[in-house]
Every structure is written in C-alpha cells, then in structure tokens.
Amino acid sequence: MPTDKEVGDIARVCHDANRAWQIASGDPAVSPAWDDAPDWQRASAIDGVCKALDGATSEQLHRDWCDFKTDGGWVFGPVKDETAKTHPCLVPYSELPVEQRRKDDLFAAIVAALTPKESSDG
C-alpha cells in the first residue's frame, strides 16, 4: 500500500491529468492547477485514489465522487458552478457522456500505473 505521500503524489498526477483532459476537450470550467486547487478538490482526488487502490471500478469511482460532492452540498445543474455548487456530471455513470466516462477510466489507469508494485523474488 502506498504511503500518504505517495497517495498525495498520485492524486496530484490524476488531478493534473484531469485538468489537461478538460482543456483538451474544451471544458468551459477547467479546474485550477493542483497547487491552486481548493482543499476540498484535493481531498476529492485523494479520496478517489484511495478508492481506486481498494479496487474500485470507474463506475464505482464515479459513484463515490458523486457521494463526495453531494455530501458537500453539490447538486445536479446544467453547468459546473462552484459558487452555486452545481455540476452536470452528478448523474449515474450510465448517463455520463463518453468523454466523462473516459476521464474516470484515465483516473483509474493512472492510479494503477503509479502504484508501487511489490518486488518479487524470483
């Protein structure tokens, strides 16, 4: 299991990859860089990494993200608005646009790729 620092480092990469995905896909509400992100946003990425490390699928990661958001007072809305706490992705995984499902797949793949593997003898 990765250390807390390693989990934080993986979360940073996942967040920055998500941000790059947002830019590349023309998202109108691109997340700030990790160092400028609010604490709740960094906590959400760290939570996602921990869930992925526990074997969560992309669909489970999305459901957990929705729970994290709604626990923080967010609701579904047609646009992402941090002040109003609305987000268009607060829907079941099956209702997400394909690019949003791919973003969840990318998150899980980054966690898997950056997780330190146990060395084997032999």
Protein backbone atom coordinates (compact mmCIF):
# COMPACT_ATOMS: atom_id res chain seq x y z
CA MET A 1 0.00 0.00 0.00
CA PRO A 2 1.40 3.42 -0.90
CA THR A 3 2.35 5.88 1.82
CA ASP A 4 0.27 9.00 2.43
CA LYS A 5 2.87 11.00 0.48
CA GLU A 6 2.69 8.58 -2.46
CA VAL A 7 -1.12 8.76 -2.44
CA GLY A 8 -0.87 12.56 -2.48
CA ASP A 9 1.62 12.43 -5.35
CA ILE A 10 -0.66 10.09 -7.34
CA ALA A 11 -3.64 12.37 -6.61
CA ARG A 12 -1.68 15.34 -7.96
CA VAL A 13 -0.95 13.50 -11.22
CA CYS A 14 -4.60 12.40 -11.52
CA HIS A 15 -5.81 15.95 -10.89
CA ASP A 16 -3.40 17.44 -13.41
CA ALA A 17 -4.33 14.79 -16.00
CA ASN A 18 -8.00 15.56 -15.39
CA ARG A 19 -7.23 19.26 -15.88
CA ALA A 20 -5.38 18.51 -19.13
CA TRP A 21 -8.36 16.41 -20.28
CA GLN A 22 -10.67 19.33 -19.51
CA ILE A 23 -8.51 21.69 -21.56
CA ALA A 24 -8.20 19.26 -24.47
CA SER A 25 -11.95 18.59 -24.54
CA GLY A 26 -12.90 22.27 -24.40
CA ASP A 27 -14.46 22.15 -20.93
CA PRO A 28 -15.70 25.67 -20.10
CA ALA A 29 -14.91 25.26 -16.37
CA VAL A 30 -11.34 23.94 -16.18
CA SER A 31 -10.14 23.02 -12.69
CA PRO A 32 -7.27 25.04 -11.26
CA ALA A 33 -3.79 23.55 -11.10
CA TRP A 34 -3.18 21.31 -8.06
CA ASP A 35 -1.30 23.97 -6.10
CA ASP A 36 -4.15 26.43 -6.65
CA ALA A 37 -6.97 23.94 -6.11
CA PRO A 38 -9.15 24.35 -3.02
CA ASP A 39 -8.70 21.85 -0.20
CA TRP A 40 -11.98 20.09 -1.00
CA GLN A 41 -10.85 19.44 -4.57
CA ARG A 42 -7.52 17.98 -3.48
CA ALA A 43 -9.35 15.89 -0.85
CA SER A 44 -11.67 14.57 -3.55
CA ALA A 45 -8.71 13.44 -5.69
CA ILE A 46 -7.01 11.81 -2.71
CA ASP A 47 -10.27 10.03 -1.82
CA GLY A 48 -10.54 8.80 -5.41
CA VAL A 49 -7.00 7.44 -5.34
CA CYS A 50 -7.71 5.56 -2.10
CA LYS A 51 -10.89 4.06 -3.59
CA ALA A 52 -9.04 3.07 -6.79
CA LEU A 53 -6.33 1.44 -4.69
CA ASP A 54 -9.06 -0.58 -2.99
CA GLY A 55 -10.11 -1.89 -6.41
CA ALA A 56 -12.99 0.44 -7.31
CA THR A 57 -14.06 0.35 -10.95
CA SER A 58 -14.50 3.51 -12.99
CA GLU A 59 -18.25 3.31 -12.33
CA GLN A 60 -17.68 2.93 -8.59
CA LEU A 61 -15.21 5.82 -8.63
CA HIS A 62 -17.85 7.99 -10.27
CA ARG A 63 -20.50 6.95 -7.74
CA ASP A 64 -18.09 7.71 -4.87
CA TRP A 65 -17.26 11.09 -6.46
CA CYS A 66 -20.99 11.86 -6.67
CA ASP A 67 -21.37 10.92 -3.00
CA PHE A 68 -18.38 13.14 -2.10
CA LYS A 69 -19.92 16.05 -4.00
CA THR A 70 -23.47 15.66 -2.66
CA ASP A 71 -22.13 15.28 0.90
CA GLY A 72 -20.51 18.67 0.31
CA GLY A 73 -23.81 20.24 -0.71
CA TRP A 74 -23.45 19.95 -4.50
CA VAL A 75 -26.46 19.18 -6.72
CA PHE A 76 -27.01 18.43 -10.37
CA GLY A 77 -27.03 21.51 -12.59
CA PRO A 78 -26.53 22.14 -16.31
CA VAL A 79 -23.18 23.89 -15.70
CA LYS A 80 -20.34 23.45 -13.25
CA ASP A 81 -20.58 26.35 -10.79
CA GLU A 82 -18.50 26.28 -7.61
CA THR A 83 -20.48 29.12 -6.03
CA ALA A 84 -23.88 27.54 -6.67
CA LYS A 85 -22.40 24.06 -6.12
CA THR A 86 -23.92 22.64 -9.29
CA HIS A 87 -22.34 20.08 -11.61
CA PRO A 88 -23.63 18.43 -14.80
CA CYS A 89 -21.85 15.13 -14.02
CA LEU A 90 -23.90 14.42 -10.91
CA VAL A 91 -25.79 11.70 -12.77
CA PRO A 92 -25.50 7.91 -12.86
CA TYR A 93 -22.40 6.65 -14.65
CA SER A 94 -24.50 5.23 -17.50
CA GLU A 95 -25.83 8.74 -18.22
CA LEU A 96 -22.40 10.38 -18.45
CA PRO A 97 -21.16 11.48 -21.85
CA VAL A 98 -18.48 9.12 -23.17
CA GLU A 99 -15.69 11.67 -22.63
CA GLN A 100 -16.60 11.86 -18.95
CA ARG A 101 -16.56 8.06 -18.60
CA ARG A 102 -13.16 8.02 -20.30
CA LYS A 103 -11.95 10.60 -17.78
CA ASP A 104 -12.88 8.16 -14.98
CA ASP A 105 -11.07 5.37 -16.85
CA LEU A 106 -8.00 7.60 -17.16
CA PHE A 107 -8.06 8.32 -13.42
CA ALA A 108 -8.15 4.59 -12.60
CA ALA A 109 -5.40 3.82 -15.13
CA ILE A 110 -3.11 6.50 -13.69
CA VAL A 111 -3.59 5.13 -10.18
CA ALA A 112 -2.77 1.61 -11.40
CA ALA A 113 0.28 2.80 -13.34
CA LEU A 114 1.72 4.82 -10.46
CA THR A 115 1.04 2.39 -7.65
CA PRO A 116 4.30 0.98 -6.34
CA LYS A 117 4.37 -2.74 -7.05
CA GLU A 118 5.75 -5.30 -4.65
CA SER A 119 9.02 -6.68 -5.96
CA SER A 120 9.05 -10.41 -6.44
CA ASP A 121 11.92 -12.70 -5.68
CA GLY A 122 12.48 -14.95 -8.49
